[in-house]
Amino acid sequence: MIMTARKPVSVGEMLVTEFMEPMDLTQTALAEAMGVQRKHVNELCNNRRRITADTALILARVFGNSAEFWINTQMRNDLWDALNIPDRRERIERARPVTSPVAA
């Protein structure tokens, strides 16, 4: 798997800089549009909450883009973390392919 050395843009950074700031949206206004508590939006903005399928669908509806955009943003960060956080990478590298016995 090829990943860049530079960490991808986080979901929170993407949400704030590419959507909320240009639209002059507060966390409270976004929470109301999403139908969630302000705490939910705050945790997304501060990268303390991951994007779930439900949240991706809600954000896609609110901003007129796709759920895949939000899921992929989360997935890029998750993969980068898995490959760049030493203890996680070590655990992954211990895994070995399974070979099946040859049928006689």
PDB file of N, CA and C in Angstrom:
ATOM      1  N   MET A   1       0.842  -1.181   0.000  1.00  0.00           N
ATOM      2  CA  MET A   1       0.000   0.000   0.000  1.00  0.00           C
ATOM      3  C   MET A   1       0.884   1.240   0.000  1.00  0.00           C
ATOM      4  N   ILE A   2       0.572   2.182  -0.841  1.00  0.00           N
ATOM      5  CA  ILE A   2       1.358   3.409  -0.936  1.00  0.00           C
ATOM      6  C   ILE A   2       0.596   4.527  -0.234  1.00  0.00           C
ATOM      7  N   MET A   3       1.254   5.115   0.737  1.00  0.00           N
ATOM      8  CA  MET A   3       0.683   6.259   1.454  1.00  0.00           C
ATOM      9  C   MET A   3       1.747   7.339   1.472  1.00  0.00           C
ATOM     10  N   THR A   4       1.322   8.568   1.464  1.00  0.00           N
ATOM     11  CA  THR A   4       2.277   9.662   1.520  1.00  0.00           C
ATOM     12  C   THR A   4       2.842   9.803   2.926  1.00  0.00           C
ATOM     13  N   ALA A   5       4.008  10.417   3.019  1.00  0.00           N
ATOM     14  CA  ALA A   5       4.625  10.650   4.321  1.00  0.00           C
ATOM     15  C   ALA A   5       3.857  11.732   5.087  1.00  0.00           C
ATOM     16  N   ARG A   6       3.206  12.605   4.346  1.00  0.00           N
ATOM     17  CA  ARG A   6       2.460  13.696   4.977  1.00  0.00           C
ATOM     18  C   ARG A   6       1.068  13.219   5.369  1.00  0.00           C
ATOM     19  N   LYS A   7       0.692  13.502   6.600  1.00  0.00           N
ATOM     20  CA  LYS A   7      -0.634  13.100   7.077  1.00  0.00           C
ATOM     21  C   LYS A   7      -1.714  13.803   6.258  1.00  0.00           C
ATOM     22  N   PRO A   8      -2.752  13.064   5.857  1.00  0.00           N
ATOM     23  CA  PRO A   8      -3.839  13.695   5.098  1.00  0.00           C
ATOM     24  C   PRO A   8      -4.605  14.711   5.948  1.00  0.00           C
ATOM     25  N   VAL A   9      -5.343  15.551   5.270  1.00  0.00           N
ATOM     26  CA  VAL A   9      -6.183  16.535   5.947  1.00  0.00           C
ATOM     27  C   VAL A   9      -7.197  15.779   6.798  1.00  0.00           C
ATOM     28  N   SER A  10      -7.339  16.194   8.035  1.00  0.00           N
ATOM     29  CA  SER A  10      -8.278  15.523   8.937  1.00  0.00           C
ATOM     30  C   SER A  10      -9.712  15.901   8.590  1.00  0.00           C
ATOM     31  N   VAL A  11     -10.624  15.075   9.052  1.00  0.00           N
ATOM     32  CA  VAL A  11     -12.048  15.335   8.842  1.00  0.00           C
ATOM     33  C   VAL A  11     -12.420  16.692   9.447  1.00  0.00           C
ATOM     34  N   GLY A  12     -11.945  16.948  10.662  1.00  0.00           N
ATOM     35  CA  GLY A  12     -12.260  18.219  11.319  1.00  0.00           C
ATOM     36  C   GLY A  12     -11.750  19.416  10.551  1.00  0.00           C
ATOM     37  N   GLU A  13     -10.499  19.322  10.080  1.00  0.00           N
ATOM     38  CA  GLU A  13      -9.919  20.428   9.314  1.00  0.00           C
ATOM     39  C   GLU A  13     -10.688  20.636   8.014  1.00  0.00           C
ATOM     40  N   MET A  14     -11.033  19.552   7.345  1.00  0.00           N
ATOM     41  CA  MET A  14     -11.799  19.636   6.101  1.00  0.00           C
ATOM     42  C   MET A  14     -13.165  20.282   6.366  1.00  0.00           C
ATOM     43  N   LEU A  15     -13.831  19.829   7.391  1.00  0.00           N
ATOM     44  CA  LEU A  15     -15.149  20.338   7.730  1.00  0.00           C
ATOM     45  C   LEU A  15     -15.106  21.839   8.018  1.00  0.00           C
ATOM     46  N   VAL A  16     -14.148  22.236   8.840  1.00  0.00           N
ATOM     47  CA  VAL A  16     -14.063  23.645   9.239  1.00  0.00           C
ATOM     48  C   VAL A  16     -13.582  24.536   8.096  1.00  0.00           C
ATOM     49  N   THR A  17     -12.424  24.211   7.504  1.00  0.00           N
ATOM     50  CA  THR A  17     -11.814  25.129   6.530  1.00  0.00           C
ATOM     51  C   THR A  17     -12.470  25.122   5.159  1.00  0.00           C
ATOM     52  N   GLU A  18     -12.994  23.963   4.741  1.00  0.00           N
ATOM     53  CA  GLU A  18     -13.552  23.879   3.394  1.00  0.00           C
ATOM     54  C   GLU A  18     -15.067  24.051   3.337  1.00  0.00           C
ATOM     55  N   PHE A  19     -15.728  23.917   4.478  1.00  0.00           N
ATOM     56  CA  PHE A  19     -17.192  23.998   4.466  1.00  0.00           C
ATOM     57  C   PHE A  19     -17.719  25.066   5.412  1.00  0.00           C
ATOM     58  N   MET A  20     -17.404  24.958   6.694  1.00  0.00           N
ATOM     59  CA  MET A  20     -18.000  25.866   7.670  1.00  0.00           C
ATOM     60  C   MET A  20     -17.527  27.307   7.496  1.00  0.00           C
ATOM     61  N   GLU A  21     -16.212  27.521   7.421  1.00  0.00           N
ATOM     62  CA  GLU A  21     -15.705  28.893   7.300  1.00  0.00           C
ATOM     63  C   GLU A  21     -16.187  29.594   6.035  1.00  0.00           C
ATOM     64  N   PRO A  22     -16.075  28.959   4.852  1.00  0.00           N
ATOM     65  CA  PRO A  22     -16.559  29.650   3.647  1.00  0.00           C
ATOM     66  C   PRO A  22     -18.054  29.969   3.682  1.00  0.00           C
ATOM     67  N   MET A  23     -18.815  29.139   4.396  1.00  0.00           N
ATOM     68  CA  MET A  23     -20.258  29.357   4.475  1.00  0.00           C
ATOM     69  C   MET A  23     -20.646  30.177   5.705  1.00  0.00           C
ATOM     70  N   ASP A  24     -19.636  30.584   6.482  1.00  0.00           N
ATOM     71  CA  ASP A  24     -19.856  31.345   7.713  1.00  0.00           C
ATOM     72  C   ASP A  24     -20.814  30.612   8.650  1.00  0.00           C
ATOM     73  N   LEU A  25     -20.601  29.283   8.770  1.00  0.00           N
ATOM     74  CA  LEU A  25     -21.439  28.442   9.627  1.00  0.00           C
ATOM     75  C   LEU A  25     -20.800  28.264  10.992  1.00  0.00           C
ATOM     76  N   THR A  26     -21.573  28.468  12.028  1.00  0.00           N
ATOM     77  CA  THR A  26     -21.102  28.172  13.378  1.00  0.00           C
ATOM     78  C   THR A  26     -21.364  26.696  13.664  1.00  0.00           C
ATOM     79  N   GLN A  27     -20.741  26.198  14.712  1.00  0.00           N
ATOM     80  CA  GLN A  27     -21.001  24.826  15.121  1.00  0.00           C
ATOM     81  C   GLN A  27     -22.476  24.648  15.484  1.00  0.00           C
ATOM     82  N   THR A  28     -23.039  25.649  16.126  1.00  0.00           N
ATOM     83  CA  THR A  28     -24.457  25.583  16.507  1.00  0.00           C
ATOM     84  C   THR A  28     -25.354  25.502  15.274  1.00  0.00           C
ATOM     85  N   ALA A  29     -25.069  26.342  14.269  1.00  0.00           N
ATOM     86  CA  ALA A  29     -25.874  26.337  13.041  1.00  0.00           C
ATOM     87  C   ALA A  29     -25.739  25.006  12.304  1.00  0.00           C
ATOM     88  N   LEU A  30     -24.524  24.459  12.258  1.00  0.00           N
ATOM     89  CA  LEU A  30     -24.332  23.173  11.593  1.00  0.00           C
ATOM     90  C   LEU A  30     -25.053  22.062  12.354  1.00  0.00           C
ATOM     91  N   ALA A  31     -24.972  22.101  13.661  1.00  0.00           N
ATOM     92  CA  ALA A  31     -25.667  21.093  14.474  1.00  0.00           C
ATOM     93  C   ALA A  31     -27.165  21.129  14.207  1.00  0.00           C
ATOM     94  N   GLU A  32     -27.721  22.309  14.124  1.00  0.00           N
ATOM     95  CA  GLU A  32     -29.157  22.439  13.834  1.00  0.00           C
ATOM     96  C   GLU A  32     -29.477  21.876  12.453  1.00  0.00           C
ATOM     97  N   ALA A  33     -28.644  22.197  11.453  1.00  0.00           N
ATOM     98  CA  ALA A  33     -28.874  21.694  10.097  1.00  0.00           C
ATOM     99  C   ALA A  33     -28.769  20.177  10.043  1.00  0.00           C
ATOM    100  N   MET A  34     -27.856  19.623  10.834  1.00  0.00           N
ATOM    101  CA  MET A  34     -27.645  18.176  10.854  1.00  0.00           C
ATOM    102  C   MET A  34     -28.672  17.444  11.715  1.00  0.00           C
ATOM    103  N   GLY A  35     -29.313  18.171  12.622  1.00  0.00           N
ATOM    104  CA  GLY A  35     -30.252  17.539  13.543  1.00  0.00           C
ATOM    105  C   GLY A  35     -29.551  16.770  14.648  1.00  0.00           C
ATOM    106  N   VAL A  36     -28.388  17.265  15.057  1.00  0.00           N
ATOM    107  CA  VAL A  36     -27.612  16.626  16.123  1.00  0.00           C
ATOM    108  C   VAL A  36     -27.285  17.663  17.192  1.00  0.00           C
ATOM    109  N   GLN A  37     -26.759  17.190  18.305  1.00  0.00           N
ATOM    110  CA  GLN A  37     -26.337  18.110  19.360  1.00  0.00           C
ATOM    111  C   GLN A  37     -25.070  18.847  18.938  1.00  0.00           C
ATOM    112  N   ARG A  38     -24.895  20.050  19.470  1.00  0.00           N
ATOM    113  CA  ARG A  38     -23.708  20.844  19.162  1.00  0.00           C
ATOM    114  C   ARG A  38     -22.439  20.088  19.541  1.00  0.00           C
ATOM    115  N   LYS A  39     -22.502  19.312  20.615  1.00  0.00           N
ATOM    116  CA  LYS A  39     -21.342  18.541  21.061  1.00  0.00           C
ATOM    117  C   LYS A  39     -20.858  17.599  19.959  1.00  0.00           C
ATOM    118  N   HIS A  40     -21.782  17.008  19.221  1.00  0.00           N
ATOM    119  CA  HIS A  40     -21.449  16.106  18.116  1.00  0.00           C
ATOM    120  C   HIS A  40     -20.603  16.846  17.079  1.00  0.00           C
ATOM    121  N   VAL A  41     -21.044  18.027  16.685  1.00  0.00           N
ATOM    122  CA  VAL A  41     -20.318  18.832  15.700  1.00  0.00           C
ATOM    123  C   VAL A  41     -18.971  19.275  16.269  1.00  0.00           C
ATOM    124  N   ASN A  42     -18.950  19.694  17.520  1.00  0.00           N
ATOM    125  CA  ASN A  42     -17.702  20.117  18.148  1.00  0.00           C
ATOM    126  C   ASN A  42     -16.682  18.992  18.125  1.00  0.00           C
ATOM    127  N   GLU A  43     -17.116  17.778  18.438  1.00  0.00           N
ATOM    128  CA  GLU A  43     -16.210  16.628  18.439  1.00  0.00           C
ATOM    129  C   GLU A  43     -15.726  16.310  17.027  1.00  0.00           C
ATOM    130  N   LEU A  44     -16.579  16.469  16.020  1.00  0.00           N
ATOM    131  CA  LEU A  44     -16.142  16.284  14.633  1.00  0.00           C
ATOM    132  C   LEU A  44     -15.094  17.333  14.261  1.00  0.00           C
ATOM    133  N   CYS A  45     -15.376  18.582  14.583  1.00  0.00           N
ATOM    134  CA  CYS A  45     -14.468  19.679  14.237  1.00  0.00           C
ATOM    135  C   CYS A  45     -13.109  19.530  14.907  1.00  0.00           C
ATOM    136  N   ASN A  46     -13.087  18.949  16.075  1.00  0.00           N
ATOM    137  CA  ASN A  46     -11.844  18.800  16.838  1.00  0.00           C
ATOM    138  C   ASN A  46     -11.260  17.394  16.753  1.00  0.00           C
ATOM    139  N   ASN A  47     -11.723  16.622  15.779  1.00  0.00           N
ATOM    140  CA  ASN A  47     -11.212  15.268  15.529  1.00  0.00           C
ATOM    141  C   ASN A  47     -11.285  14.355  16.742  1.00  0.00           C
ATOM    142  N   ARG A  48     -12.326  14.514  17.526  1.00  0.00           N
ATOM    143  CA  ARG A  48     -12.549  13.625  18.666  1.00  0.00           C
ATOM    144  C   ARG A  48     -13.701  12.656  18.392  1.00  0.00           C
ATOM    145  N   ARG A  49     -14.263  12.737  17.199  1.00  0.00           N
ATOM    146  CA  ARG A  49     -15.343  11.835  16.785  1.00  0.00           C
ATOM    147  C   ARG A  49     -15.065  11.445  15.342  1.00  0.00           C
ATOM    148  N   ARG A  50     -15.234  10.159  15.047  1.00  0.00           N
ATOM    149  CA  ARG A  50     -15.011   9.652  13.703  1.00  0.00           C
ATOM    150  C   ARG A  50     -16.285   9.801  12.873  1.00  0.00           C
ATOM    151  N   ILE A  51     -16.095   9.817  11.573  1.00  0.00           N
ATOM    152  CA  ILE A  51     -17.234   9.845  10.660  1.00  0.00           C
ATOM    153  C   ILE A  51     -17.786   8.427  10.540  1.00  0.00           C
ATOM    154  N   THR A  52     -19.045   8.264  10.892  1.00  0.00           N
ATOM    155  CA  THR A  52     -19.740   6.983  10.719  1.00  0.00           C
ATOM    156  C   THR A  52     -20.534   7.061   9.414  1.00  0.00           C
ATOM    157  N   ALA A  53     -21.109   5.940   9.009  1.00  0.00           N
ATOM    158  CA  ALA A  53     -21.937   5.938   7.802  1.00  0.00           C
ATOM    159  C   ALA A  53     -23.099   6.924   7.955  1.00  0.00           C
ATOM    160  N   ASP A  54     -23.734   6.931   9.124  1.00  0.00           N
ATOM    161  CA  ASP A  54     -24.858   7.847   9.350  1.00  0.00           C
ATOM    162  C   ASP A  54     -24.421   9.310   9.242  1.00  0.00           C
ATOM    163  N   THR A  55     -23.304   9.630   9.886  1.00  0.00           N
ATOM    164  CA  THR A  55     -22.810  11.007   9.853  1.00  0.00           C
ATOM    165  C   THR A  55     -22.418  11.398   8.436  1.00  0.00           C
ATOM    166  N   ALA A  56     -21.803  10.477   7.701  1.00  0.00           N
ATOM    167  CA  ALA A  56     -21.424  10.761   6.313  1.00  0.00           C
ATOM    168  C   ALA A  56     -22.658  11.074   5.475  1.00  0.00           C
ATOM    169  N   LEU A  57     -23.718  10.308   5.666  1.00  0.00           N
ATOM    170  CA  LEU A  57     -24.953  10.544   4.920  1.00  0.00           C
ATOM    171  C   LEU A  57     -25.585  11.884   5.296  1.00  0.00           C
ATOM    172  N   ILE A  58     -25.532  12.224   6.577  1.00  0.00           N
ATOM    173  CA  ILE A  58     -26.089  13.507   7.037  1.00  0.00           C
ATOM    174  C   ILE A  58     -25.278  14.665   6.461  1.00  0.00           C
ATOM    175  N   LEU A  59     -23.934  14.592   6.566  1.00  0.00           N
ATOM    176  CA  LEU A  59     -23.090  15.668   6.037  1.00  0.00           C
ATOM    177  C   LEU A  59     -23.271  15.818   4.528  1.00  0.00           C
ATOM    178  N   ALA A  60     -23.405  14.699   3.823  1.00  0.00           N
ATOM    179  CA  ALA A  60     -23.624  14.751   2.376  1.00  0.00           C
ATOM    180  C   ALA A  60     -24.931  15.478   2.060  1.00  0.00           C
ATOM    181  N   ARG A  61     -25.936  15.199   2.836  1.00  0.00           N
ATOM    182  CA  ARG A  61     -27.238  15.857   2.628  1.00  0.00           C
ATOM    183  C   ARG A  61     -27.162  17.353   2.938  1.00  0.00           C
ATOM    184  N   VAL A  62     -26.469  17.691   4.020  1.00  0.00           N
ATOM    185  CA  VAL A  62     -26.342  19.098   4.433  1.00  0.00           C
ATOM    186  C   VAL A  62     -25.531  19.906   3.423  1.00  0.00           C
ATOM    187  N   PHE A  63     -24.422  19.335   2.936  1.00  0.00           N
ATOM    188  CA  PHE A  63     -23.517  20.095   2.068  1.00  0.00           C
ATOM    189  C   PHE A  63     -23.667  19.789   0.582  1.00  0.00           C
ATOM    190  N   GLY A  64     -24.542  18.841   0.237  1.00  0.00           N
ATOM    191  CA  GLY A  64     -24.793  18.566  -1.175  1.00  0.00           C
ATOM    192  C   GLY A  64     -23.663  17.837  -1.871  1.00  0.00           C
ATOM    193  N   ASN A  65     -22.885  17.069  -1.121  1.00  0.00           N
ATOM    194  CA  ASN A  65     -21.854  16.251  -1.753  1.00  0.00           C
ATOM    195  C   ASN A  65     -22.173  14.781  -1.473  1.00  0.00           C
ATOM    196  N   SER A  66     -21.188  13.913  -1.517  1.00  0.00           N
ATOM    197  CA  SER A  66     -21.484  12.490  -1.346  1.00  0.00           C
ATOM    198  C   SER A  66     -21.041  11.967   0.018  1.00  0.00           C
ATOM    199  N   ALA A  67     -21.715  10.924   0.461  1.00  0.00           N
ATOM    200  CA  ALA A  67     -21.319  10.257   1.696  1.00  0.00           C
ATOM    201  C   ALA A  67     -19.923   9.656   1.519  1.00  0.00           C
ATOM    202  N   GLU A  68     -19.613   9.198   0.307  1.00  0.00           N
ATOM    203  CA  GLU A  68     -18.299   8.622   0.033  1.00  0.00           C
ATOM    204  C   GLU A  68     -17.175   9.628   0.267  1.00  0.00           C
ATOM    205  N   PHE A  69     -17.436  10.892  -0.030  1.00  0.00           N
ATOM    206  CA  PHE A  69     -16.428  11.931   0.230  1.00  0.00           C
ATOM    207  C   PHE A  69     -16.033  11.921   1.700  1.00  0.00           C
ATOM    208  N   TRP A  70     -17.018  11.899   2.582  1.00  0.00           N
ATOM    209  CA  TRP A  70     -16.752  11.959   4.017  1.00  0.00           C
ATOM    210  C   TRP A  70     -16.139  10.655   4.524  1.00  0.00           C
ATOM    211  N   ILE A  71     -16.655   9.521   4.058  1.00  0.00           N
ATOM    212  CA  ILE A  71     -16.108   8.219   4.457  1.00  0.00           C
ATOM    213  C   ILE A  71     -14.659   8.092   3.984  1.00  0.00           C
ATOM    214  N   ASN A  72     -14.383   8.510   2.753  1.00  0.00           N
ATOM    215  CA  ASN A  72     -13.023   8.425   2.226  1.00  0.00           C
ATOM    216  C   ASN A  72     -12.058   9.336   2.974  1.00  0.00           C
ATOM    217  N   THR A  73     -12.523  10.504   3.374  1.00  0.00           N
ATOM    218  CA  THR A  73     -11.675  11.405   4.168  1.00  0.00           C
ATOM    219  C   THR A  73     -11.302  10.728   5.479  1.00  0.00           C
ATOM    220  N   GLN A  74     -12.280  10.109   6.124  1.00  0.00           N
ATOM    221  CA  GLN A  74     -12.014   9.388   7.374  1.00  0.00           C
ATOM    222  C   GLN A  74     -11.083   8.202   7.124  1.00  0.00           C
ATOM    223  N   MET A  75     -11.350   7.444   6.063  1.00  0.00           N
ATOM    224  CA  MET A  75     -10.558   6.252   5.774  1.00  0.00           C
ATOM    225  C   MET A  75      -9.096   6.595   5.475  1.00  0.00           C
ATOM    226  N   ARG A  76      -8.851   7.667   4.727  1.00  0.00           N
ATOM    227  CA  ARG A  76      -7.469   8.073   4.443  1.00  0.00           C
ATOM    228  C   ARG A  76      -6.718   8.350   5.737  1.00  0.00           C
ATOM    229  N   ASN A  77      -7.377   9.008   6.674  1.00  0.00           N
ATOM    230  CA  ASN A  77      -6.748   9.291   7.965  1.00  0.00           C
ATOM    231  C   ASN A  77      -6.528   8.023   8.775  1.00  0.00           C
ATOM    232  N   ASP A  78      -7.509   7.135   8.772  1.00  0.00           N
ATOM    233  CA  ASP A  78      -7.386   5.877   9.513  1.00  0.00           C
ATOM    234  C   ASP A  78      -6.230   5.040   8.970  1.00  0.00           C
ATOM    235  N   LEU A  79      -6.124   4.944   7.646  1.00  0.00           N
ATOM    236  CA  LEU A  79      -5.037   4.170   7.043  1.00  0.00           C
ATOM    237  C   LEU A  79      -3.683   4.797   7.330  1.00  0.00           C
ATOM    238  N   TRP A  80      -3.604   6.123   7.232  1.00  0.00           N
ATOM    239  CA  TRP A  80      -2.342   6.807   7.513  1.00  0.00           C
ATOM    240  C   TRP A  80      -1.918   6.534   8.951  1.00  0.00           C
ATOM    241  N   ASP A  81      -2.862   6.655   9.883  1.00  0.00           N
ATOM    242  CA  ASP A  81      -2.552   6.387  11.293  1.00  0.00           C
ATOM    243  C   ASP A  81      -2.064   4.954  11.478  1.00  0.00           C
ATOM    244  N   ALA A  82      -2.748   3.995  10.852  1.00  0.00           N
ATOM    245  CA  ALA A  82      -2.379   2.586  11.009  1.00  0.00           C
ATOM    246  C   ALA A  82      -0.962   2.323  10.510  1.00  0.00           C
ATOM    247  N   LEU A  83      -0.567   3.019   9.452  1.00  0.00           N
ATOM    248  CA  LEU A  83       0.762   2.797   8.889  1.00  0.00           C
ATOM    249  C   LEU A  83       1.851   3.657   9.516  1.00  0.00           C
ATOM    250  N   ASN A  84       1.478   4.689  10.244  1.00  0.00           N
ATOM    251  CA  ASN A  84       2.478   5.625  10.758  1.00  0.00           C
ATOM    252  C   ASN A  84       2.570   5.711  12.271  1.00  0.00           C
ATOM    253  N   ILE A  85       1.678   5.071  12.981  1.00  0.00           N
ATOM    254  CA  ILE A  85       1.791   5.007  14.438  1.00  0.00           C
ATOM    255  C   ILE A  85       2.533   3.712  14.738  1.00  0.00           C
ATOM    256  N   PRO A  86       3.744   3.818  15.307  1.00  0.00           N
ATOM    257  CA  PRO A  86       4.640   2.662  15.417  1.00  0.00           C
ATOM    258  C   PRO A  86       4.026   1.383  15.985  1.00  0.00           C
ATOM    259  N   ASP A  87       3.311   1.449  17.101  1.00  0.00           N
ATOM    260  CA  ASP A  87       2.781   0.205  17.675  1.00  0.00           C
ATOM    261  C   ASP A  87       1.705  -0.411  16.790  1.00  0.00           C
ATOM    262  N   ARG A  88       0.936   0.417  16.111  1.00  0.00           N
ATOM    263  CA  ARG A  88      -0.086  -0.112  15.202  1.00  0.00           C
ATOM    264  C   ARG A  88       0.571  -0.742  13.974  1.00  0.00           C
ATOM    265  N   ARG A  89       1.570  -0.070  13.429  1.00  0.00           N
ATOM    266  CA  ARG A  89       2.263  -0.612  12.253  1.00  0.00           C
ATOM    267  C   ARG A  89       2.957  -1.928  12.596  1.00  0.00           C
ATOM    268  N   GLU A  90       3.570  -1.990  13.766  1.00  0.00           N
ATOM    269  CA  GLU A  90       4.257  -3.215  14.186  1.00  0.00           C
ATOM    270  C   GLU A  90       3.276  -4.381  14.254  1.00  0.00           C
ATOM    271  N   ARG A  91       2.120  -4.141  14.815  1.00  0.00           N
ATOM    272  CA  ARG A  91       1.095  -5.184  14.918  1.00  0.00           C
ATOM    273  C   ARG A  91       0.656  -5.651  13.533  1.00  0.00           C
ATOM    274  N   ILE A  92       0.489  -4.714  12.620  1.00  0.00           N
ATOM    275  CA  ILE A  92       0.079  -5.042  11.252  1.00  0.00           C
ATOM    276  C   ILE A  92       1.169  -5.849  10.553  1.00  0.00           C
ATOM    277  N   GLU A  93       2.420  -5.451  10.745  1.00  0.00           N
ATOM    278  CA  GLU A  93       3.524  -6.134  10.068  1.00  0.00           C
ATOM    279  C   GLU A  93       3.770  -7.546  10.592  1.00  0.00           C
ATOM    280  N   ARG A  94       3.256  -7.879  11.766  1.00  0.00           N
ATOM    281  CA  ARG A  94       3.369  -9.241  12.292  1.00  0.00           C
ATOM    282  C   ARG A  94       2.449 -10.214  11.564  1.00  0.00           C
ATOM    283  N   ALA A  95       1.438  -9.694  10.915  1.00  0.00           N
ATOM    284  CA  ALA A  95       0.480 -10.557  10.204  1.00  0.00           C
ATOM    285  C   ALA A  95       1.154 -11.207   8.999  1.00  0.00           C
ATOM    286  N   ARG A  96       0.790 -12.450   8.748  1.00  0.00           N
ATOM    287  CA  ARG A  96       1.357 -13.214   7.636  1.00  0.00           C
ATOM    288  C   ARG A  96       0.222 -13.768   6.774  1.00  0.00           C
ATOM    289  N   PRO A  97       0.467 -13.895   5.476  1.00  0.00           N
ATOM    290  CA  PRO A  97      -0.562 -14.467   4.598  1.00  0.00           C
ATOM    291  C   PRO A  97      -0.878 -15.907   4.982  1.00  0.00           C
ATOM    292  N   VAL A  98      -2.096 -16.283   4.773  1.00  0.00           N
ATOM    293  CA  VAL A  98      -2.534 -17.649   5.000  1.00  0.00           C
ATOM    294  C   VAL A  98      -2.436 -18.387   3.679  1.00  0.00           C
ATOM    295  N   THR A  99      -1.841 -19.563   3.725  1.00  0.00           N
ATOM    296  CA  THR A  99      -1.771 -20.362   2.516  1.00  0.00           C
ATOM    297  C   THR A  99      -2.715 -21.552   2.673  1.00  0.00           C
ATOM    298  N   SER A 100      -3.373 -21.893   1.599  1.00  0.00           N
ATOM    299  CA  SER A 100      -4.286 -23.038   1.677  1.00  0.00           C
ATOM    300  C   SER A 100      -3.564 -24.285   1.176  1.00  0.00           C
ATOM    301  N   PRO A 101      -3.887 -25.426   1.740  1.00  0.00           N
ATOM    302  CA  PRO A 101      -3.248 -26.659   1.284  1.00  0.00           C
ATOM    303  C   PRO A 101      -3.653 -26.960  -0.151  1.00  0.00           C
ATOM    304  N   VAL A 102      -2.727 -27.518  -0.890  1.00  0.00           N
ATOM    305  CA  VAL A 102      -2.989 -27.875  -2.278  1.00  0.00           C
ATOM    306  C   VAL A 102      -3.855 -29.127  -2.306  1.00  0.00           C
ATOM    307  N   ALA A 103      -4.919 -29.063  -3.091  1.00  0.00           N
ATOM    308  CA  ALA A 103      -5.816 -30.228  -3.200  1.00  0.00           C
ATOM    309  C   ALA A 103      -5.089 -31.363  -3.933  1.00  0.00           C
ATOM    310  N   ALA A 104      -5.217 -32.575  -3.401  1.00  0.00           N
ATOM    311  CA  ALA A 104      -4.511 -33.715  -4.014  1.00  0.00           C
ATOM    312  C   ALA A 104      -5.327 -34.374  -5.079  1.00  0.00           C
TER     313      ALA A 104
END
